[in-house]
Protein backbone atom coordinates (compact mmCIF):
# COMPACT_ATOMS: atom_id res chain seq x y z
CA MET A 1 5.02 -15.23 5.85
CA ASN A 2 1.52 -15.89 4.54
CA LEU A 3 0.90 -13.86 1.40
CA ILE A 4 -2.13 -15.79 0.13
CA TRP A 5 -4.16 -12.59 0.36
CA ARG A 6 -2.33 -11.35 -2.74
CA GLN A 7 -4.39 -13.75 -4.85
CA ASN A 8 -7.43 -11.54 -4.19
CA ALA A 9 -5.70 -8.22 -4.82
CA ALA A 10 -7.20 -5.81 -7.35
CA CYS A 11 -3.70 -5.11 -8.65
CA GLN A 12 -3.26 -8.73 -9.76
CA GLY A 13 -2.05 -8.69 -13.36
CA LEU A 14 -1.70 -4.90 -13.62
CA ASP A 15 1.51 -3.18 -14.62
CA PRO A 16 3.54 -2.81 -11.40
CA GLU A 17 4.85 0.57 -12.62
CA ILE A 18 1.48 2.06 -11.58
CA PHE A 19 2.32 1.30 -7.95
CA TYR A 20 5.80 2.82 -8.04
CA PRO A 21 5.21 6.43 -9.10
CA ALA A 22 8.12 8.86 -9.30
CA THR A 23 6.44 11.21 -6.80
CA ASP A 24 3.58 11.01 -4.31
CA ASP A 25 1.65 13.42 -6.52
CA GLU A 26 1.59 10.75 -9.24
CA SER A 27 0.07 8.08 -6.99
CA ASP A 28 -3.59 8.68 -7.90
CA ALA A 29 -3.82 5.81 -10.42
CA ALA A 30 -2.55 3.31 -7.86
CA LYS A 31 -4.82 4.68 -5.14
CA ARG A 32 -7.86 4.28 -7.42
CA VAL A 33 -7.04 0.59 -7.80
CA CYS A 34 -6.43 0.20 -4.07
CA CYS A 35 -9.70 1.83 -3.03
CA GLN A 36 -11.60 -0.91 -4.90
CA CYS A 37 -9.51 -3.74 -3.50
CA ALA A 38 -10.93 -6.42 -1.21
CA VAL A 39 -7.58 -6.85 0.55
CA GLN A 40 -6.59 -3.20 0.88
CA GLU A 41 -6.34 -3.27 4.67
CA THR A 42 -4.34 -6.51 4.68
CA CYS A 43 -1.98 -5.09 2.06
CA LEU A 44 -1.47 -1.91 4.08
CA GLU A 45 -0.79 -3.88 7.26
CA HIS A 46 1.72 -6.04 5.39
CA ALA A 47 3.54 -2.93 4.15
CA LEU A 48 3.55 -1.38 7.62
CA GLY A 49 4.76 -4.57 9.25
CA SER A 50 7.53 -5.24 6.76
CA ARG A 51 8.47 -1.56 6.48
CA GLU A 52 8.04 -1.44 2.71
CA ARG A 53 9.95 1.62 1.60
CA ASP A 54 8.79 2.06 -1.96
CA GLY A 55 5.53 2.16 -3.80
CA VAL A 56 1.86 2.39 -2.98
CA TRP A 57 0.64 -0.39 -0.69
CA GLY A 58 -2.90 -0.59 0.60
CA GLY A 59 -3.63 2.81 -0.86
CA ALA A 60 -0.82 4.55 1.03
CA THR A 61 2.42 6.03 -0.23
CA GLU A 62 5.71 5.67 1.64
CA LYS A 63 5.22 9.07 3.24
CA GLU A 64 1.67 8.21 4.32
CA ARG A 65 2.81 4.88 5.78
CA ARG A 66 5.50 6.61 7.83
CA ARG A 67 2.83 8.96 9.17
CA ILE A 68 0.61 6.01 10.14
CA ILE A 69 3.50 4.35 11.97
CA ARG A 70 4.27 7.56 13.88
CA GLN A 71 0.61 7.99 14.84
CA ARG A 72 0.39 4.41 16.06
CA ARG A 73 3.52 4.86 18.18
CA ARG A 74 2.05 7.97 19.81
CA SER A 75 -1.23 6.18 20.53
CA ALA A 76 0.45 3.15 22.11
């Protein structure tokens, strides 16, 4: 799996705790980082493809990623 894109991630060097909030309501700090990230879309697609269960990936929480997957299934 090619993860070279991570080298360009805005989260590089930040405390990972930011991206693993206790609740979705506490995900704003992570989402602010993600919205400025050059690889946000790639990160989100990685999380969707590997079914990441925890954390904020590509600006989306676990619940939001599940919703994206369901929407894509309906559209296919």
